[in-house]
Amino acid sequence: MNFYTYILKSVNFNRFYYGHTHNLSDRLKIHNYGKVRSTKAFRPWVIHYYESFSSRSEAYQRELFFKSAEGKKPFSII
Protein backbone atom coordinates (compact mmCIF):
# COMPACT_ATOMS: atom_id res chain seq x y z
CA MET A 1 0.00 0.00 0.00
CA ASN A 2 1.26 3.48 -0.85
CA PHE A 3 0.99 6.47 1.42
CA TYR A 4 1.04 10.06 0.28
CA THR A 5 2.14 13.38 1.67
CA TYR A 6 0.19 16.15 0.00
CA ILE A 7 -0.14 19.90 -0.20
CA LEU A 8 -3.51 21.35 -1.10
CA LYS A 9 -4.04 24.87 -2.36
CA SER A 10 -7.26 26.79 -1.91
CA VAL A 11 -8.65 27.98 -5.24
CA ASN A 12 -10.18 31.17 -3.80
CA PHE A 13 -7.74 32.02 -1.00
CA ASN A 14 -3.97 32.14 -0.78
CA ARG A 15 -3.82 29.18 1.62
CA PHE A 16 -2.13 25.82 1.72
CA TYR A 17 -2.90 22.68 3.70
CA TYR A 18 -0.40 19.90 4.46
CA GLY A 19 -1.38 16.32 5.20
CA HIS A 20 -0.80 12.62 4.60
CA THR A 21 -3.14 9.79 3.60
CA HIS A 22 -3.33 6.38 1.98
CA ASN A 23 -5.97 7.43 -0.60
CA LEU A 24 -5.27 10.80 -2.17
CA SER A 25 -8.40 11.16 -4.30
CA ASP A 26 -10.76 10.23 -1.44
CA ARG A 27 -8.96 12.59 0.92
CA LEU A 28 -9.34 15.49 -1.53
CA LYS A 29 -13.07 14.76 -1.76
CA ILE A 30 -13.36 14.82 2.04
CA HIS A 31 -11.67 18.22 2.16
CA ASN A 32 -13.89 19.61 -0.60
CA TYR A 33 -17.10 18.23 0.97
CA GLY A 34 -16.36 20.31 4.07
CA LYS A 35 -15.74 17.36 6.39
CA VAL A 36 -12.41 18.76 7.70
CA ARG A 37 -12.86 21.61 10.15
CA SER A 38 -9.60 23.38 9.35
CA THR A 39 -10.19 23.44 5.58
CA LYS A 40 -13.97 23.84 5.40
CA ALA A 41 -14.01 27.64 5.13
CA PHE A 42 -11.47 27.77 2.31
CA ARG A 43 -13.03 25.38 -0.23
CA PRO A 44 -12.55 24.38 -2.99
CA TRP A 45 -9.10 22.78 -2.81
CA VAL A 46 -6.84 21.37 -5.52
CA ILE A 47 -3.80 19.16 -5.17
CA HIS A 48 -0.78 21.44 -5.42
CA TYR A 49 1.89 18.78 -4.80
CA TYR A 50 2.22 15.22 -3.54
CA GLU A 51 4.83 12.53 -2.91
CA SER A 52 4.41 8.77 -2.57
CA PHE A 53 5.95 6.65 0.22
CA SER A 54 5.96 2.97 1.11
CA SER A 55 5.13 3.55 4.80
CA ARG A 56 2.83 5.78 6.81
CA SER A 57 5.70 6.92 9.03
CA GLU A 58 7.72 8.17 6.04
CA ALA A 59 4.71 10.11 4.75
CA TYR A 60 4.08 11.60 8.19
CA GLN A 61 7.73 12.64 8.59
CA ARG A 62 7.57 14.43 5.23
CA GLU A 63 4.36 16.18 6.29
CA LEU A 64 6.12 17.42 9.43
CA PHE A 65 8.96 18.72 7.27
CA PHE A 66 6.53 20.71 5.10
CA LYS A 67 4.99 22.21 8.25
CA SER A 68 8.44 23.29 9.52
CA ALA A 69 10.08 26.64 8.78
CA GLU A 70 12.59 24.94 6.48
CA GLY A 71 9.82 23.18 4.58
CA LYS A 72 7.85 26.39 4.02
CA LYS A 73 10.70 28.19 2.23
CA PRO A 74 9.86 29.04 -1.39
CA PHE A 75 10.81 26.37 -3.92
CA SER A 76 11.83 23.92 -1.19
CA ILE A 77 9.41 21.29 -2.54
CA ILE A 78 10.08 21.55 -6.24
PDB file of N, CA and C in Angstrom:
ATOM      1  N   MET A   1       0.845  -1.178   0.000  1.00  0.00           N
ATOM      2  CA  MET A   1       0.000   0.000   0.000  1.00  0.00           C
ATOM      3  C   MET A   1       0.893   1.245   0.000  1.00  0.00           C
ATOM      4  N   ASN A   2       0.540   2.208  -0.815  1.00  0.00           N
ATOM      5  CA  ASN A   2       1.259   3.482  -0.854  1.00  0.00           C
ATOM      6  C   ASN A   2       0.620   4.486   0.077  1.00  0.00           C
ATOM      7  N   PHE A   3       1.437   5.359   0.603  1.00  0.00           N
ATOM      8  CA  PHE A   3       0.985   6.474   1.421  1.00  0.00           C
ATOM      9  C   PHE A   3       1.474   7.750   0.764  1.00  0.00           C
ATOM     10  N   TYR A   4       0.745   8.815   0.952  1.00  0.00           N
ATOM     11  CA  TYR A   4       1.045  10.063   0.276  1.00  0.00           C
ATOM     12  C   TYR A   4       1.144  11.200   1.278  1.00  0.00           C
ATOM     13  N   THR A   5       2.091  12.079   1.025  1.00  0.00           N
ATOM     14  CA  THR A   5       2.138  13.383   1.671  1.00  0.00           C
ATOM     15  C   THR A   5       1.656  14.350   0.611  1.00  0.00           C
ATOM     16  N   TYR A   6       0.768  15.267   0.991  1.00  0.00           N
ATOM     17  CA  TYR A   6       0.189  16.153  -0.004  1.00  0.00           C
ATOM     18  C   TYR A   6       0.124  17.586   0.492  1.00  0.00           C
ATOM     19  N   ILE A   7       0.090  18.480  -0.473  1.00  0.00           N
ATOM     20  CA  ILE A   7      -0.141  19.899  -0.202  1.00  0.00           C
ATOM     21  C   ILE A   7      -1.330  20.298  -1.048  1.00  0.00           C
ATOM     22  N   LEU A   8      -2.340  20.834  -0.393  1.00  0.00           N
ATOM     23  CA  LEU A   8      -3.512  21.346  -1.096  1.00  0.00           C
ATOM     24  C   LEU A   8      -3.415  22.857  -1.169  1.00  0.00           C
ATOM     25  N   LYS A   9      -3.970  23.418  -2.224  1.00  0.00           N
ATOM     26  CA  LYS A   9      -4.039  24.871  -2.361  1.00  0.00           C
ATOM     27  C   LYS A   9      -5.492  25.266  -2.535  1.00  0.00           C
ATOM     28  N   SER A  10      -5.904  26.282  -1.786  1.00  0.00           N
ATOM     29  CA  SER A  10      -7.256  26.793  -1.908  1.00  0.00           C
ATOM     30  C   SER A  10      -7.374  27.568  -3.220  1.00  0.00           C
ATOM     31  N   VAL A  11      -8.432  27.319  -3.962  1.00  0.00           N
ATOM     32  CA  VAL A  11      -8.647  27.982  -5.240  1.00  0.00           C
ATOM     33  C   VAL A  11      -8.955  29.466  -5.036  1.00  0.00           C
ATOM     34  N   ASN A  12      -9.711  29.808  -3.990  1.00  0.00           N
ATOM     35  CA  ASN A  12     -10.183  31.173  -3.796  1.00  0.00           C
ATOM     36  C   ASN A  12      -9.382  31.982  -2.776  1.00  0.00           C
ATOM     37  N   PHE A  13      -8.515  31.349  -2.037  1.00  0.00           N
ATOM     38  CA  PHE A  13      -7.742  32.016  -0.999  1.00  0.00           C
ATOM     39  C   PHE A  13      -6.274  31.632  -1.175  1.00  0.00           C
ATOM     40  N   ASN A  14      -5.396  32.451  -0.686  1.00  0.00           N
ATOM     41  CA  ASN A  14      -3.966  32.140  -0.784  1.00  0.00           C
ATOM     42  C   ASN A  14      -3.552  31.304   0.419  1.00  0.00           C
ATOM     43  N   ARG A  15      -4.071  30.070   0.487  1.00  0.00           N
ATOM     44  CA  ARG A  15      -3.821  29.179   1.622  1.00  0.00           C
ATOM     45  C   ARG A  15      -3.394  27.813   1.134  1.00  0.00           C
ATOM     46  N   PHE A  16      -2.577  27.170   1.978  1.00  0.00           N
ATOM     47  CA  PHE A  16      -2.126  25.815   1.719  1.00  0.00           C
ATOM     48  C   PHE A  16      -2.468  24.947   2.919  1.00  0.00           C
ATOM     49  N   TYR A  17      -2.651  23.658   2.655  1.00  0.00           N
ATOM     50  CA  TYR A  17      -2.903  22.682   3.704  1.00  0.00           C
ATOM     51  C   TYR A  17      -1.977  21.495   3.461  1.00  0.00           C
ATOM     52  N   TYR A  18      -1.356  21.001   4.539  1.00  0.00           N
ATOM     53  CA  TYR A  18      -0.396  19.899   4.458  1.00  0.00           C
ATOM     54  C   TYR A  18      -0.977  18.683   5.171  1.00  0.00           C
ATOM     55  N   GLY A  19      -0.854  17.517   4.556  1.00  0.00           N
ATOM     56  CA  GLY A  19      -1.377  16.319   5.196  1.00  0.00           C
ATOM     57  C   GLY A  19      -0.765  15.058   4.615  1.00  0.00           C
ATOM     58  N   HIS A  20      -1.210  13.911   5.149  1.00  0.00           N
ATOM     59  CA  HIS A  20      -0.802  12.616   4.602  1.00  0.00           C
ATOM     60  C   HIS A  20      -2.007  11.680   4.637  1.00  0.00           C
ATOM     61  N   THR A  21      -2.000  10.689   3.738  1.00  0.00           N
ATOM     62  CA  THR A  21      -3.137   9.791   3.596  1.00  0.00           C
ATOM     63  C   THR A  21      -2.710   8.542   2.826  1.00  0.00           C
ATOM     64  N   HIS A  22      -3.582   7.553   2.806  1.00  0.00           N
ATOM     65  CA  HIS A  22      -3.330   6.376   1.976  1.00  0.00           C
ATOM     66  C   HIS A  22      -4.159   6.412   0.689  1.00  0.00           C
ATOM     67  N   ASN A  23      -5.149   7.307   0.598  1.00  0.00           N
ATOM     68  CA  ASN A  23      -5.967   7.425  -0.603  1.00  0.00           C
ATOM     69  C   ASN A  23      -6.122   8.912  -0.941  1.00  0.00           C
ATOM     70  N   LEU A  24      -5.337   9.374  -1.861  1.00  0.00           N
ATOM     71  CA  LEU A  24      -5.270  10.798  -2.173  1.00  0.00           C
ATOM     72  C   LEU A  24      -6.574  11.345  -2.747  1.00  0.00           C
ATOM     73  N   SER A  25      -7.175  10.643  -3.677  1.00  0.00           N
ATOM     74  CA  SER A  25      -8.402  11.164  -4.295  1.00  0.00           C
ATOM     75  C   SER A  25      -9.557  11.225  -3.301  1.00  0.00           C
ATOM     76  N   ASP A  26      -9.704  10.199  -2.451  1.00  0.00           N
ATOM     77  CA  ASP A  26     -10.763  10.233  -1.438  1.00  0.00           C
ATOM     78  C   ASP A  26     -10.521  11.338  -0.425  1.00  0.00           C
ATOM     79  N   ARG A  27      -9.268  11.556  -0.060  1.00  0.00           N
ATOM     80  CA  ARG A  27      -8.958  12.592   0.918  1.00  0.00           C
ATOM     81  C   ARG A  27      -9.278  13.975   0.365  1.00  0.00           C
ATOM     82  N   LEU A  28      -8.991  14.214  -0.906  1.00  0.00           N
ATOM     83  CA  LEU A  28      -9.337  15.495  -1.525  1.00  0.00           C
ATOM     84  C   LEU A  28     -10.850  15.712  -1.508  1.00  0.00           C
ATOM     85  N   LYS A  29     -11.606  14.664  -1.800  1.00  0.00           N
ATOM     86  CA  LYS A  29     -13.071  14.764  -1.759  1.00  0.00           C
ATOM     87  C   LYS A  29     -13.553  15.127  -0.365  1.00  0.00           C
ATOM     88  N   ILE A  30     -12.965  14.522   0.659  1.00  0.00           N
ATOM     89  CA  ILE A  30     -13.362  14.817   2.043  1.00  0.00           C
ATOM     90  C   ILE A  30     -13.105  16.285   2.373  1.00  0.00           C
ATOM     91  N   HIS A  31     -11.963  16.798   1.939  1.00  0.00           N
ATOM     92  CA  HIS A  31     -11.670  18.222   2.161  1.00  0.00           C
ATOM     93  C   HIS A  31     -12.690  19.100   1.438  1.00  0.00           C
ATOM     94  N   ASN A  32     -12.993  18.775   0.193  1.00  0.00           N
ATOM     95  CA  ASN A  32     -13.893  19.612  -0.596  1.00  0.00           C
ATOM     96  C   ASN A  32     -15.360  19.467  -0.201  1.00  0.00           C
ATOM     97  N   TYR A  33     -15.733  18.378   0.460  1.00  0.00           N
ATOM     98  CA  TYR A  33     -17.097  18.229   0.968  1.00  0.00           C
ATOM     99  C   TYR A  33     -17.306  18.999   2.264  1.00  0.00           C
ATOM    100  N   GLY A  34     -16.240  19.537   2.836  1.00  0.00           N
ATOM    101  CA  GLY A  34     -16.356  20.310   4.067  1.00  0.00           C
ATOM    102  C   GLY A  34     -16.319  19.463   5.320  1.00  0.00           C
ATOM    103  N   LYS A  35     -15.770  18.269   5.248  1.00  0.00           N
ATOM    104  CA  LYS A  35     -15.737  17.363   6.390  1.00  0.00           C
ATOM    105  C   LYS A  35     -14.527  17.580   7.294  1.00  0.00           C
ATOM    106  N   VAL A  36     -13.598  18.462   6.897  1.00  0.00           N
ATOM    107  CA  VAL A  36     -12.410  18.757   7.703  1.00  0.00           C
ATOM    108  C   VAL A  36     -12.547  20.183   8.224  1.00  0.00           C
ATOM    109  N   ARG A  37     -12.602  20.314   9.530  1.00  0.00           N
ATOM    110  CA  ARG A  37     -12.861  21.609  10.150  1.00  0.00           C
ATOM    111  C   ARG A  37     -11.876  22.691   9.709  1.00  0.00           C
ATOM    112  N   SER A  38     -10.606  22.355   9.650  1.00  0.00           N
ATOM    113  CA  SER A  38      -9.595  23.378   9.350  1.00  0.00           C
ATOM    114  C   SER A  38      -9.571  23.811   7.883  1.00  0.00           C
ATOM    115  N   THR A  39     -10.198  23.069   6.993  1.00  0.00           N
ATOM    116  CA  THR A  39     -10.190  23.444   5.577  1.00  0.00           C
ATOM    117  C   THR A  39     -11.571  23.833   5.050  1.00  0.00           C
ATOM    118  N   LYS A  40     -12.585  23.643   5.842  1.00  0.00           N
ATOM    119  CA  LYS A  40     -13.971  23.840   5.404  1.00  0.00           C
ATOM    120  C   LYS A  40     -14.229  25.251   4.854  1.00  0.00           C
ATOM    121  N   ALA A  41     -13.720  26.265   5.510  1.00  0.00           N
ATOM    122  CA  ALA A  41     -14.007  27.644   5.126  1.00  0.00           C
ATOM    123  C   ALA A  41     -13.269  28.105   3.874  1.00  0.00           C
ATOM    124  N   PHE A  42     -12.324  27.327   3.408  1.00  0.00           N
ATOM    125  CA  PHE A  42     -11.473  27.767   2.307  1.00  0.00           C
ATOM    126  C   PHE A  42     -11.635  26.926   1.042  1.00  0.00           C
ATOM    127  N   ARG A  43     -12.745  26.214   0.940  1.00  0.00           N
ATOM    128  CA  ARG A  43     -13.031  25.382  -0.226  1.00  0.00           C
ATOM    129  C   ARG A  43     -13.241  26.239  -1.456  1.00  0.00           C
ATOM    130  N   PRO A  44     -13.028  25.720  -2.639  1.00  0.00           N
ATOM    131  CA  PRO A  44     -12.547  24.384  -2.993  1.00  0.00           C
ATOM    132  C   PRO A  44     -11.020  24.307  -2.951  1.00  0.00           C
ATOM    133  N   TRP A  45     -10.529  23.074  -2.867  1.00  0.00           N
ATOM    134  CA  TRP A  45      -9.104  22.776  -2.807  1.00  0.00           C
ATOM    135  C   TRP A  45      -8.690  21.984  -4.040  1.00  0.00           C
ATOM    136  N   VAL A  46      -7.443  22.173  -4.451  1.00  0.00           N
ATOM    137  CA  VAL A  46      -6.842  21.371  -5.519  1.00  0.00           C
ATOM    138  C   VAL A  46      -5.517  20.819  -4.999  1.00  0.00           C
ATOM    139  N   ILE A  47      -5.090  19.718  -5.566  1.00  0.00           N
ATOM    140  CA  ILE A  47      -3.799  19.156  -5.175  1.00  0.00           C
ATOM    141  C   ILE A  47      -2.706  20.002  -5.819  1.00  0.00           C
ATOM    142  N   HIS A  48      -1.884  20.588  -4.969  1.00  0.00           N
ATOM    143  CA  HIS A  48      -0.784  21.438  -5.424  1.00  0.00           C
ATOM    144  C   HIS A  48       0.484  20.606  -5.633  1.00  0.00           C
ATOM    145  N   TYR A  49       0.673  19.601  -4.760  1.00  0.00           N
ATOM    146  CA  TYR A  49       1.890  18.783  -4.798  1.00  0.00           C
ATOM    147  C   TYR A  49       1.650  17.528  -3.975  1.00  0.00           C
ATOM    148  N   TYR A  50       2.276  16.423  -4.369  1.00  0.00           N
ATOM    149  CA  TYR A  50       2.220  15.216  -3.542  1.00  0.00           C
ATOM    150  C   TYR A  50       3.444  14.356  -3.794  1.00  0.00           C
ATOM    151  N   GLU A  51       3.749  13.508  -2.822  1.00  0.00           N
ATOM    152  CA  GLU A  51       4.826  12.528  -2.915  1.00  0.00           C
ATOM    153  C   GLU A  51       4.296  11.196  -2.408  1.00  0.00           C
ATOM    154  N   SER A  52       4.826  10.115  -2.947  1.00  0.00           N
ATOM    155  CA  SER A  52       4.408   8.768  -2.567  1.00  0.00           C
ATOM    156  C   SER A  52       5.488   8.107  -1.713  1.00  0.00           C
ATOM    157  N   PHE A  53       5.044   7.349  -0.691  1.00  0.00           N
ATOM    158  CA  PHE A  53       5.945   6.651   0.217  1.00  0.00           C
ATOM    159  C   PHE A  53       5.444   5.237   0.445  1.00  0.00           C
ATOM    160  N   SER A  54       6.339   4.356   0.868  1.00  0.00           N
ATOM    161  CA  SER A  54       5.959   2.972   1.112  1.00  0.00           C
ATOM    162  C   SER A  54       5.439   2.744   2.523  1.00  0.00           C
ATOM    163  N   SER A  55       5.625   3.719   3.434  1.00  0.00           N
ATOM    164  CA  SER A  55       5.130   3.551   4.799  1.00  0.00           C
ATOM    165  C   SER A  55       4.456   4.827   5.295  1.00  0.00           C
ATOM    166  N   ARG A  56       3.532   4.645   6.220  1.00  0.00           N
ATOM    167  CA  ARG A  56       2.832   5.777   6.811  1.00  0.00           C
ATOM    168  C   ARG A  56       3.799   6.690   7.565  1.00  0.00           C
ATOM    169  N   SER A  57       4.769   6.110   8.241  1.00  0.00           N
ATOM    170  CA  SER A  57       5.702   6.920   9.031  1.00  0.00           C
ATOM    171  C   SER A  57       6.548   7.823   8.133  1.00  0.00           C
ATOM    172  N   GLU A  58       6.959   7.320   6.971  1.00  0.00           N
ATOM    173  CA  GLU A  58       7.716   8.167   6.036  1.00  0.00           C
ATOM    174  C   GLU A  58       6.863   9.334   5.547  1.00  0.00           C
ATOM    175  N   ALA A  59       5.608   9.054   5.217  1.00  0.00           N
ATOM    176  CA  ALA A  59       4.705  10.111   4.753  1.00  0.00           C
ATOM    177  C   ALA A  59       4.472  11.143   5.855  1.00  0.00           C
ATOM    178  N   TYR A  60       4.311  10.689   7.075  1.00  0.00           N
ATOM    179  CA  TYR A  60       4.081  11.596   8.189  1.00  0.00           C
ATOM    180  C   TYR A  60       5.315  12.463   8.458  1.00  0.00           C
ATOM    181  N   GLN A  61       6.497  11.873   8.381  1.00  0.00           N
ATOM    182  CA  GLN A  61       7.729  12.643   8.586  1.00  0.00           C
ATOM    183  C   GLN A  61       7.870  13.733   7.525  1.00  0.00           C
ATOM    184  N   ARG A  62       7.506  13.427   6.296  1.00  0.00           N
ATOM    185  CA  ARG A  62       7.574  14.433   5.229  1.00  0.00           C
ATOM    186  C   ARG A  62       6.549  15.535   5.460  1.00  0.00           C
ATOM    187  N   GLU A  63       5.367  15.180   5.947  1.00  0.00           N
ATOM    188  CA  GLU A  63       4.362  16.184   6.289  1.00  0.00           C
ATOM    189  C   GLU A  63       4.914  17.126   7.347  1.00  0.00           C
ATOM    190  N   LEU A  64       5.537  16.584   8.372  1.00  0.00           N
ATOM    191  CA  LEU A  64       6.120  17.424   9.428  1.00  0.00           C
ATOM    192  C   LEU A  64       7.190  18.349   8.868  1.00  0.00           C
ATOM    193  N   PHE A  65       7.974  17.859   7.904  1.00  0.00           N
ATOM    194  CA  PHE A  65       8.962  18.722   7.267  1.00  0.00           C
ATOM    195  C   PHE A  65       8.282  19.892   6.573  1.00  0.00           C
ATOM    196  N   PHE A  66       7.225  19.635   5.802  1.00  0.00           N
ATOM    197  CA  PHE A  66       6.526  20.711   5.103  1.00  0.00           C
ATOM    198  C   PHE A  66       5.936  21.734   6.063  1.00  0.00           C
ATOM    199  N   LYS A  67       5.557  21.305   7.253  1.00  0.00           N
ATOM    200  CA  LYS A  67       4.994  22.207   8.247  1.00  0.00           C
ATOM    201  C   LYS A  67       6.069  22.987   9.003  1.00  0.00           C
ATOM    202  N   SER A  68       7.339  22.611   8.837  1.00  0.00           N
ATOM    203  CA  SER A  68       8.440  23.288   9.524  1.00  0.00           C
ATOM    204  C   SER A  68       8.831  24.564   8.768  1.00  0.00           C
ATOM    205  N   ALA A  69       9.613  25.402   9.420  1.00  0.00           N
ATOM    206  CA  ALA A  69      10.083  26.637   8.781  1.00  0.00           C
ATOM    207  C   ALA A  69      10.915  26.325   7.544  1.00  0.00           C
ATOM    208  N   GLU A  70      11.763  25.328   7.622  1.00  0.00           N
ATOM    209  CA  GLU A  70      12.592  24.943   6.480  1.00  0.00           C
ATOM    210  C   GLU A  70      11.728  24.459   5.305  1.00  0.00           C
ATOM    211  N   GLY A  71      10.694  23.721   5.603  1.00  0.00           N
ATOM    212  CA  GLY A  71       9.822  23.177   4.575  1.00  0.00           C
ATOM    213  C   GLY A  71       8.925  24.204   3.933  1.00  0.00           C
ATOM    214  N   LYS A  72       8.716  25.348   4.562  1.00  0.00           N
ATOM    215  CA  LYS A  72       7.848  26.385   4.015  1.00  0.00           C
ATOM    216  C   LYS A  72       8.600  27.418   3.175  1.00  0.00           C
ATOM    217  N   LYS A  73       9.924  27.269   3.066  1.00  0.00           N
ATOM    218  CA  LYS A  73      10.700  28.186   2.231  1.00  0.00           C
ATOM    219  C   LYS A  73      10.268  28.024   0.778  1.00  0.00           C
ATOM    220  N   PRO A  74      10.245  29.126   0.027  1.00  0.00           N
ATOM    221  CA  PRO A  74       9.862  29.040  -1.390  1.00  0.00           C
ATOM    222  C   PRO A  74      10.756  28.078  -2.163  1.00  0.00           C
ATOM    223  N   PHE A  75      10.145  27.308  -3.030  1.00  0.00           N
ATOM    224  CA  PHE A  75      10.809  26.368  -3.916  1.00  0.00           C
ATOM    225  C   PHE A  75      11.507  25.241  -3.175  1.00  0.00           C
ATOM    226  N   SER A  76      11.195  25.014  -1.909  1.00  0.00           N
ATOM    227  CA  SER A  76      11.827  23.925  -1.189  1.00  0.00           C
ATOM    228  C   SER A  76      11.231  22.571  -1.562  1.00  0.00           C
ATOM    229  N   ILE A  77      10.053  22.555  -2.203  1.00  0.00           N
ATOM    230  CA  ILE A  77       9.411  21.292  -2.538  1.00  0.00           C
ATOM    231  C   ILE A  77       9.570  20.932  -4.002  1.00  0.00           C
ATOM    232  N   ILE A  78      10.009  21.849  -4.808  1.00  0.00           N
ATOM    233  CA  ILE A  78      10.082  21.554  -6.242  1.00  0.00           C
ATOM    234  C   ILE A  78      11.499  21.793  -6.731  1.00  0.00           C
TER     235      ILE A  78
END
